[in-house]
Amino acid sequence: MADTSTMPVRLIGLDEVVEACDRVARALRGADVKVDTVVAIARGGFMPARFLCDFLDISRLLSIQIGHYEAGAQSAGGVTVEYPLGGDIDGRRVLLVDDVNDSGDTLQAALAYLGDQAPAELHSAVLHEKSTTIRRADFKAEMMREWRWVLYPWAVVEDVGQFIQDMDPIPKTRQAIHDALRERHELVLDPGQLERVIRYGGLAVDDP
């Protein structure tokens, strides 16, 4: 994750996820795109892919996972397919799904990999796409003109835990964590979300 010290965050609720998936599904139908296989980009694409399978009556769901290498790693600054497909898409009409299309590197690498597997058709869809991406998805629920970190329900513990760990000093009470998230990231969690971040993120707090 990049420097998160003062990064603005947009928290996405589950109802908003469902509505975004519905918009993508309606866009696919409106374009008369018929697919028989959905490929989720792990991990963020799992939930959107499952909703799209439900909305579009598709039973065949596969996944791939893309690895990103930071400076100093073996492939500095690059991306690679870490976990390949577990099924054949030769001759299939495929929809590749992710939650957010940020830089475009992940989408580009995934499309190149799937294109080599000889699908009959290959389309891509995301919930949110940032205007700065280098590779546009074919379908999206929303284009984001103003850059923000997009925080989905399935990543609250992981992402917010990292935000807190990156703070200096790390806040030691629930109220201090709440205030710091609001001031630095424009992010307000409900009490249940905050408790899960503390519990599963292994954070030490001084108040009970």
C-alpha atoms as a PDB file:
ATOM      1  CA  MET A   1       0.000   0.000   0.000  1.00  0.00           C
ATOM      2  CA  ALA A   2       1.238   3.506  -0.827  1.00  0.00           C
ATOM      3  CA  ASP A   3       1.827   6.262   1.740  1.00  0.00           C
ATOM      4  CA  THR A   4      -1.454   6.576   3.618  1.00  0.00           C
ATOM      5  CA  SER A   5      -0.673   9.372   6.078  1.00  0.00           C
ATOM      6  CA  THR A   6      -3.301  11.876   4.852  1.00  0.00           C
ATOM      7  CA  MET A   7      -5.022  10.024   2.019  1.00  0.00           C
ATOM      8  CA  PRO A   8      -8.755  10.755   1.564  1.00  0.00           C
ATOM      9  CA  VAL A   9     -10.907   7.623   1.744  1.00  0.00           C
ATOM     10  CA  ARG A  10     -14.346   6.858   0.360  1.00  0.00           C
ATOM     11  CA  LEU A  11     -16.130   4.158   2.348  1.00  0.00           C
ATOM     12  CA  ILE A  12     -18.464   2.021   0.244  1.00  0.00           C
ATOM     13  CA  GLY A  13     -21.399   0.333   1.950  1.00  0.00           C
ATOM     14  CA  LEU A  14     -22.803  -3.070   1.029  1.00  0.00           C
ATOM     15  CA  ASP A  15     -26.009  -1.573  -0.390  1.00  0.00           C
ATOM     16  CA  GLU A  16     -23.889   0.652  -2.624  1.00  0.00           C
ATOM     17  CA  VAL A  17     -21.952  -2.421  -3.811  1.00  0.00           C
ATOM     18  CA  VAL A  18     -25.186  -4.200  -4.752  1.00  0.00           C
ATOM     19  CA  GLU A  19     -26.467  -1.131  -6.597  1.00  0.00           C
ATOM     20  CA  ALA A  20     -23.150  -0.775  -8.458  1.00  0.00           C
ATOM     21  CA  CYS A  21     -23.276  -4.434  -9.519  1.00  0.00           C
ATOM     22  CA  ASP A  22     -26.849  -3.912 -10.695  1.00  0.00           C
ATOM     23  CA  ARG A  23     -25.762  -0.952 -12.852  1.00  0.00           C
ATOM     24  CA  VAL A  24     -22.982  -3.043 -14.396  1.00  0.00           C
ATOM     25  CA  ALA A  25     -25.360  -5.937 -15.093  1.00  0.00           C
ATOM     26  CA  ARG A  26     -27.899  -3.603 -16.722  1.00  0.00           C
ATOM     27  CA  ALA A  27     -25.136  -2.046 -18.837  1.00  0.00           C
ATOM     28  CA  LEU A  28     -24.080  -5.495 -20.057  1.00  0.00           C
ATOM     29  CA  ARG A  29     -27.654  -6.359 -20.981  1.00  0.00           C
ATOM     30  CA  GLY A  30     -28.121  -2.998 -22.646  1.00  0.00           C
ATOM     31  CA  ALA A  31     -25.058  -3.632 -24.796  1.00  0.00           C
ATOM     32  CA  ASP A  32     -26.381  -7.145 -25.598  1.00  0.00           C
ATOM     33  CA  VAL A  33     -23.220  -8.708 -24.177  1.00  0.00           C
ATOM     34  CA  LYS A  34     -23.862 -12.337 -23.256  1.00  0.00           C
ATOM     35  CA  VAL A  35     -21.188 -14.110 -21.255  1.00  0.00           C
ATOM     36  CA  ASP A  36     -21.006 -17.684 -19.972  1.00  0.00           C
ATOM     37  CA  THR A  37     -17.999 -17.390 -17.655  1.00  0.00           C
ATOM     38  CA  VAL A  38     -17.062 -14.820 -15.025  1.00  0.00           C
ATOM     39  CA  VAL A  39     -13.444 -14.486 -13.900  1.00  0.00           C
ATOM     40  CA  ALA A  40     -12.887 -12.612 -10.639  1.00  0.00           C
ATOM     41  CA  ILE A  41      -9.611 -10.848  -9.948  1.00  0.00           C
ATOM     42  CA  ALA A  42      -8.737 -11.984  -6.436  1.00  0.00           C
ATOM     43  CA  ARG A  43      -9.322 -10.738  -3.926  1.00  0.00           C
ATOM     44  CA  GLY A  44     -11.352  -7.604  -4.513  1.00  0.00           C
ATOM     45  CA  GLY A  45     -13.287  -8.991  -7.448  1.00  0.00           C
ATOM     46  CA  PHE A  46     -14.797 -11.947  -5.604  1.00  0.00           C
ATOM     47  CA  MET A  47     -17.912 -10.264  -4.204  1.00  0.00           C
ATOM     48  CA  PRO A  48     -18.775  -8.188  -7.303  1.00  0.00           C
ATOM     49  CA  ALA A  49     -18.250 -11.265  -9.477  1.00  0.00           C
ATOM     50  CA  ARG A  50     -20.616 -13.319  -7.331  1.00  0.00           C
ATOM     51  CA  PHE A  51     -23.336 -10.657  -7.492  1.00  0.00           C
ATOM     52  CA  LEU A  52     -22.941 -10.431 -11.270  1.00  0.00           C
ATOM     53  CA  CYS A  53     -23.216 -14.209 -11.565  1.00  0.00           C
ATOM     54  CA  ASP A  54     -26.474 -13.985  -9.637  1.00  0.00           C
ATOM     55  CA  PHE A  55     -27.893 -11.076 -11.633  1.00  0.00           C
ATOM     56  CA  LEU A  56     -26.859 -12.502 -15.025  1.00  0.00           C
ATOM     57  CA  ASP A  57     -27.661 -16.164 -14.236  1.00  0.00           C
ATOM     58  CA  ILE A  58     -24.099 -17.380 -14.761  1.00  0.00           C
ATOM     59  CA  SER A  59     -22.928 -20.476 -12.893  1.00  0.00           C
ATOM     60  CA  ARG A  60     -19.328 -20.656 -14.105  1.00  0.00           C
ATOM     61  CA  LEU A  61     -17.100 -18.555 -11.834  1.00  0.00           C
ATOM     62  CA  LEU A  62     -13.296 -18.716 -11.922  1.00  0.00           C
ATOM     63  CA  SER A  63     -10.556 -16.495 -10.505  1.00  0.00           C
ATOM     64  CA  ILE A  64      -6.996 -15.315 -10.956  1.00  0.00           C
ATOM     65  CA  GLN A  65      -4.766 -13.343  -8.616  1.00  0.00           C
ATOM     66  CA  ILE A  66      -2.372 -10.627  -9.715  1.00  0.00           C
ATOM     67  CA  GLY A  67       0.815  -9.871  -7.763  1.00  0.00           C
ATOM     68  CA  HIS A  68       2.343  -6.403  -7.579  1.00  0.00           C
ATOM     69  CA  TYR A  69       6.070  -5.941  -7.047  1.00  0.00           C
ATOM     70  CA  GLU A  70       7.372  -2.850  -5.315  1.00  0.00           C
ATOM     71  CA  ALA A  71      10.779  -1.268  -5.871  1.00  0.00           C
ATOM     72  CA  GLY A  72      13.581  -3.637  -4.945  1.00  0.00           C
ATOM     73  CA  ALA A  73      11.626  -6.819  -5.650  1.00  0.00           C
ATOM     74  CA  GLN A  74      12.566  -9.260  -8.359  1.00  0.00           C
ATOM     75  CA  SER A  75      10.325  -7.549 -10.911  1.00  0.00           C
ATOM     76  CA  ALA A  76      10.393  -3.988  -9.603  1.00  0.00           C
ATOM     77  CA  GLY A  77       7.351  -1.967 -10.488  1.00  0.00           C
ATOM     78  CA  GLY A  78       5.703  -4.806 -12.416  1.00  0.00           C
ATOM     79  CA  VAL A  79       2.721  -7.102 -12.122  1.00  0.00           C
ATOM     80  CA  THR A  80       2.352 -10.812 -12.702  1.00  0.00           C
ATOM     81  CA  VAL A  81      -0.275 -13.529 -12.447  1.00  0.00           C
ATOM     82  CA  GLU A  82       0.479 -15.260  -9.129  1.00  0.00           C
ATOM     83  CA  TYR A  83      -2.447 -17.700  -9.122  1.00  0.00           C
ATOM     84  CA  PRO A  84      -3.617 -18.730 -12.607  1.00  0.00           C
ATOM     85  CA  LEU A  85      -7.014 -19.916 -13.755  1.00  0.00           C
ATOM     86  CA  GLY A  86      -8.272 -23.208 -12.422  1.00  0.00           C
ATOM     87  CA  GLY A  87     -10.428 -23.857 -15.488  1.00  0.00           C
ATOM     88  CA  ASP A  88     -10.460 -23.663 -19.272  1.00  0.00           C
ATOM     89  CA  ILE A  89     -11.858 -20.580 -21.047  1.00  0.00           C
ATOM     90  CA  ASP A  90     -11.021 -21.679 -24.599  1.00  0.00           C
ATOM     91  CA  GLY A  91     -13.991 -20.655 -26.750  1.00  0.00           C
ATOM     92  CA  ARG A  92     -15.843 -19.136 -23.788  1.00  0.00           C
ATOM     93  CA  ARG A  93     -17.499 -15.715 -23.572  1.00  0.00           C
ATOM     94  CA  VAL A  94     -15.682 -14.260 -20.572  1.00  0.00           C
ATOM     95  CA  LEU A  95     -16.316 -11.334 -18.241  1.00  0.00           C
ATOM     96  CA  LEU A  96     -13.336 -10.252 -16.117  1.00  0.00           C
ATOM     97  CA  VAL A  97     -14.435  -8.542 -12.882  1.00  0.00           C
ATOM     98  CA  ASP A  98     -12.655  -6.433 -10.259  1.00  0.00           C
ATOM     99  CA  ASP A  99     -13.826  -3.989  -7.613  1.00  0.00           C
ATOM    100  CA  VAL A 100     -11.789  -0.905  -8.532  1.00  0.00           C
ATOM    101  CA  ASN A 101      -9.667   0.012 -11.536  1.00  0.00           C
ATOM    102  CA  ASP A 102      -7.034   2.335 -10.138  1.00  0.00           C
ATOM    103  CA  SER A 103      -3.792   2.563 -12.139  1.00  0.00           C
ATOM    104  CA  GLY A 104      -4.958   0.022 -14.721  1.00  0.00           C
ATOM    105  CA  ASP A 105      -1.917  -2.231 -14.239  1.00  0.00           C
ATOM    106  CA  THR A 106      -3.915  -5.078 -12.724  1.00  0.00           C
ATOM    107  CA  LEU A 107      -6.618  -4.950 -15.390  1.00  0.00           C
ATOM    108  CA  GLN A 108      -4.070  -4.776 -18.179  1.00  0.00           C
ATOM    109  CA  ALA A 109      -2.094  -7.765 -16.889  1.00  0.00           C
ATOM    110  CA  ALA A 110      -5.241  -9.828 -16.323  1.00  0.00           C
ATOM    111  CA  LEU A 111      -6.664  -9.107 -19.771  1.00  0.00           C
ATOM    112  CA  ALA A 112      -3.356  -9.982 -21.444  1.00  0.00           C
ATOM    113  CA  TYR A 113      -3.204 -13.268 -19.544  1.00  0.00           C
ATOM    114  CA  LEU A 114      -6.806 -14.222 -20.304  1.00  0.00           C
ATOM    115  CA  GLY A 115      -6.444 -13.186 -23.937  1.00  0.00           C
ATOM    116  CA  ASP A 116      -3.749 -15.827 -24.330  1.00  0.00           C
ATOM    117  CA  GLN A 117      -6.250 -18.503 -23.221  1.00  0.00           C
ATOM    118  CA  ALA A 118      -8.239 -18.196 -26.486  1.00  0.00           C
ATOM    119  CA  PRO A 119     -11.659 -17.016 -25.235  1.00  0.00           C
ATOM    120  CA  ALA A 120     -14.293 -16.400 -27.890  1.00  0.00           C
ATOM    121  CA  GLU A 121     -15.056 -13.030 -26.242  1.00  0.00           C
ATOM    122  CA  LEU A 122     -13.366 -11.119 -23.440  1.00  0.00           C
ATOM    123  CA  HIS A 123     -14.961  -8.194 -21.627  1.00  0.00           C
ATOM    124  CA  SER A 124     -14.038  -6.378 -18.422  1.00  0.00           C
ATOM    125  CA  ALA A 125     -16.111  -4.760 -15.686  1.00  0.00           C
ATOM    126  CA  VAL A 126     -15.397  -2.911 -12.449  1.00  0.00           C
ATOM    127  CA  LEU A 127     -17.489  -1.141  -9.846  1.00  0.00           C
ATOM    128  CA  HIS A 128     -15.384   2.025  -9.704  1.00  0.00           C
ATOM    129  CA  GLU A 129     -12.858   3.317 -12.203  1.00  0.00           C
ATOM    130  CA  LYS A 130     -10.479   6.213 -11.623  1.00  0.00           C
ATOM    131  CA  SER A 131     -10.020   8.680 -14.446  1.00  0.00           C
ATOM    132  CA  THR A 132      -6.217   8.364 -14.247  1.00  0.00           C
ATOM    133  CA  THR A 133      -6.159   4.674 -15.202  1.00  0.00           C
ATOM    134  CA  ILE A 134      -3.998   3.591 -18.137  1.00  0.00           C
ATOM    135  CA  ARG A 135      -6.470   0.862 -19.141  1.00  0.00           C
ATOM    136  CA  ARG A 136     -10.214   1.446 -19.153  1.00  0.00           C
ATOM    137  CA  ALA A 137     -12.679  -1.296 -18.305  1.00  0.00           C
ATOM    138  CA  ASP A 138     -15.423  -2.009 -20.831  1.00  0.00           C
ATOM    139  CA  PHE A 139     -18.113  -1.585 -18.190  1.00  0.00           C
ATOM    140  CA  LYS A 140     -18.134   0.274 -14.885  1.00  0.00           C
ATOM    141  CA  ALA A 141     -20.732   1.486 -12.425  1.00  0.00           C
ATOM    142  CA  GLU A 142     -19.007   4.799 -11.755  1.00  0.00           C
ATOM    143  CA  MET A 143     -16.112   6.871 -13.053  1.00  0.00           C
ATOM    144  CA  MET A 144     -14.285   8.683 -10.243  1.00  0.00           C
ATOM    145  CA  ARG A 145     -12.902  12.066 -11.315  1.00  0.00           C
ATOM    146  CA  GLU A 146     -11.536  12.965  -7.878  1.00  0.00           C
ATOM    147  CA  TRP A 147      -8.921  10.518  -6.591  1.00  0.00           C
ATOM    148  CA  ARG A 148      -9.734   8.766  -3.323  1.00  0.00           C
ATOM    149  CA  TRP A 149      -8.850   5.432  -1.812  1.00  0.00           C
ATOM    150  CA  VAL A 150     -11.944   3.263  -2.252  1.00  0.00           C
ATOM    151  CA  LEU A 151     -12.675   1.211   0.864  1.00  0.00           C
ATOM    152  CA  TYR A 152     -14.991  -1.761   0.360  1.00  0.00           C
ATOM    153  CA  PRO A 153     -16.770  -3.797   3.080  1.00  0.00           C
ATOM    154  CA  TRP A 154     -14.472  -6.767   2.467  1.00  0.00           C
ATOM    155  CA  ALA A 155     -11.294  -4.775   3.148  1.00  0.00           C
ATOM    156  CA  VAL A 156     -12.128  -2.581   6.154  1.00  0.00           C
ATOM    157  CA  VAL A 157     -10.027  -4.489   8.700  1.00  0.00           C
ATOM    158  CA  GLU A 158      -7.044  -4.849   6.380  1.00  0.00           C
ATOM    159  CA  ASP A 159      -6.993  -1.341   4.948  1.00  0.00           C
ATOM    160  CA  VAL A 160      -7.963   0.646   8.039  1.00  0.00           C
ATOM    161  CA  GLY A 161      -5.610  -1.422  10.180  1.00  0.00           C
ATOM    162  CA  GLN A 162      -2.809  -0.366   7.854  1.00  0.00           C
ATOM    163  CA  PHE A 163      -3.909   3.272   7.963  1.00  0.00           C
ATOM    164  CA  ILE A 164      -3.634   3.174  11.755  1.00  0.00           C
ATOM    165  CA  GLN A 165      -0.290   1.380  11.770  1.00  0.00           C
ATOM    166  CA  ASP A 166       1.078   4.083   9.449  1.00  0.00           C
ATOM    167  CA  MET A 167       0.160   6.842  11.912  1.00  0.00           C
ATOM    168  CA  ASP A 168       2.935   8.400  13.998  1.00  0.00           C
ATOM    169  CA  PRO A 169       2.261   8.166  16.839  1.00  0.00           C
ATOM    170  CA  ILE A 170      -0.258   5.301  16.655  1.00  0.00           C
ATOM    171  CA  PRO A 171      -3.417   6.356  18.564  1.00  0.00           C
ATOM    172  CA  LYS A 172      -4.034   4.254  21.673  1.00  0.00           C
ATOM    173  CA  THR A 173      -7.730   4.763  22.465  1.00  0.00           C
ATOM    174  CA  ARG A 174     -10.905   4.178  20.467  1.00  0.00           C
ATOM    175  CA  GLN A 175     -11.718   7.866  20.501  1.00  0.00           C
ATOM    176  CA  ALA A 176      -8.216   8.784  19.369  1.00  0.00           C
ATOM    177  CA  ILE A 177      -8.417   6.249  16.519  1.00  0.00           C
ATOM    178  CA  HIS A 178     -11.839   7.578  15.528  1.00  0.00           C
ATOM    179  CA  ASP A 179     -10.600  11.176  15.534  1.00  0.00           C
ATOM    180  CA  ALA A 180      -7.396  10.389  13.644  1.00  0.00           C
ATOM    181  CA  LEU A 181      -9.247   8.514  10.888  1.00  0.00           C
ATOM    182  CA  ARG A 182     -11.661  11.411  10.481  1.00  0.00           C
ATOM    183  CA  GLU A 183      -8.938  14.076  10.431  1.00  0.00           C
ATOM    184  CA  ARG A 184      -6.400  12.276   8.241  1.00  0.00           C
ATOM    185  CA  HIS A 185      -8.652  10.265   5.935  1.00  0.00           C
ATOM    186  CA  GLU A 186     -12.115  11.877   6.129  1.00  0.00           C
ATOM    187  CA  LEU A 187     -13.229   8.428   7.272  1.00  0.00           C
ATOM    188  CA  VAL A 188     -15.836   7.715   9.928  1.00  0.00           C
ATOM    189  CA  LEU A 189     -16.464   4.084  10.912  1.00  0.00           C
ATOM    190  CA  ASP A 190     -19.496   2.936  12.834  1.00  0.00           C
ATOM    191  CA  PRO A 191     -18.775   1.392  16.277  1.00  0.00           C
ATOM    192  CA  GLY A 192     -19.042  -2.174  14.973  1.00  0.00           C
ATOM    193  CA  GLN A 193     -16.588  -1.543  12.149  1.00  0.00           C
ATOM    194  CA  LEU A 194     -14.132   0.123  14.521  1.00  0.00           C
ATOM    195  CA  GLU A 195     -14.354  -2.786  16.971  1.00  0.00           C
ATOM    196  CA  ARG A 196     -13.603  -5.288  14.214  1.00  0.00           C
ATOM    197  CA  VAL A 197     -10.600  -3.269  13.071  1.00  0.00           C
ATOM    198  CA  ILE A 198      -9.253  -3.279  16.641  1.00  0.00           C
ATOM    199  CA  ARG A 199     -10.071  -6.944  17.303  1.00  0.00           C
ATOM    200  CA  TYR A 200      -8.925  -8.550  14.061  1.00  0.00           C
ATOM    201  CA  GLY A 201      -6.221  -6.016  13.292  1.00  0.00           C
ATOM    202  CA  GLY A 202      -4.476  -6.847  16.560  1.00  0.00           C
ATOM    203  CA  LEU A 203      -4.443  -3.223  17.712  1.00  0.00           C
ATOM    204  CA  ALA A 204      -3.611  -2.433  21.327  1.00  0.00           C
ATOM    205  CA  VAL A 205      -5.953   0.109  22.928  1.00  0.00           C
ATOM    206  CA  ASP A 206      -5.788   1.505  26.451  1.00  0.00           C
ATOM    207  CA  ASP A 207      -9.529   1.887  27.031  1.00  0.00           C
ATOM    208  CA  PRO A 208     -11.776  -1.171  27.659  1.00  0.00           C
END
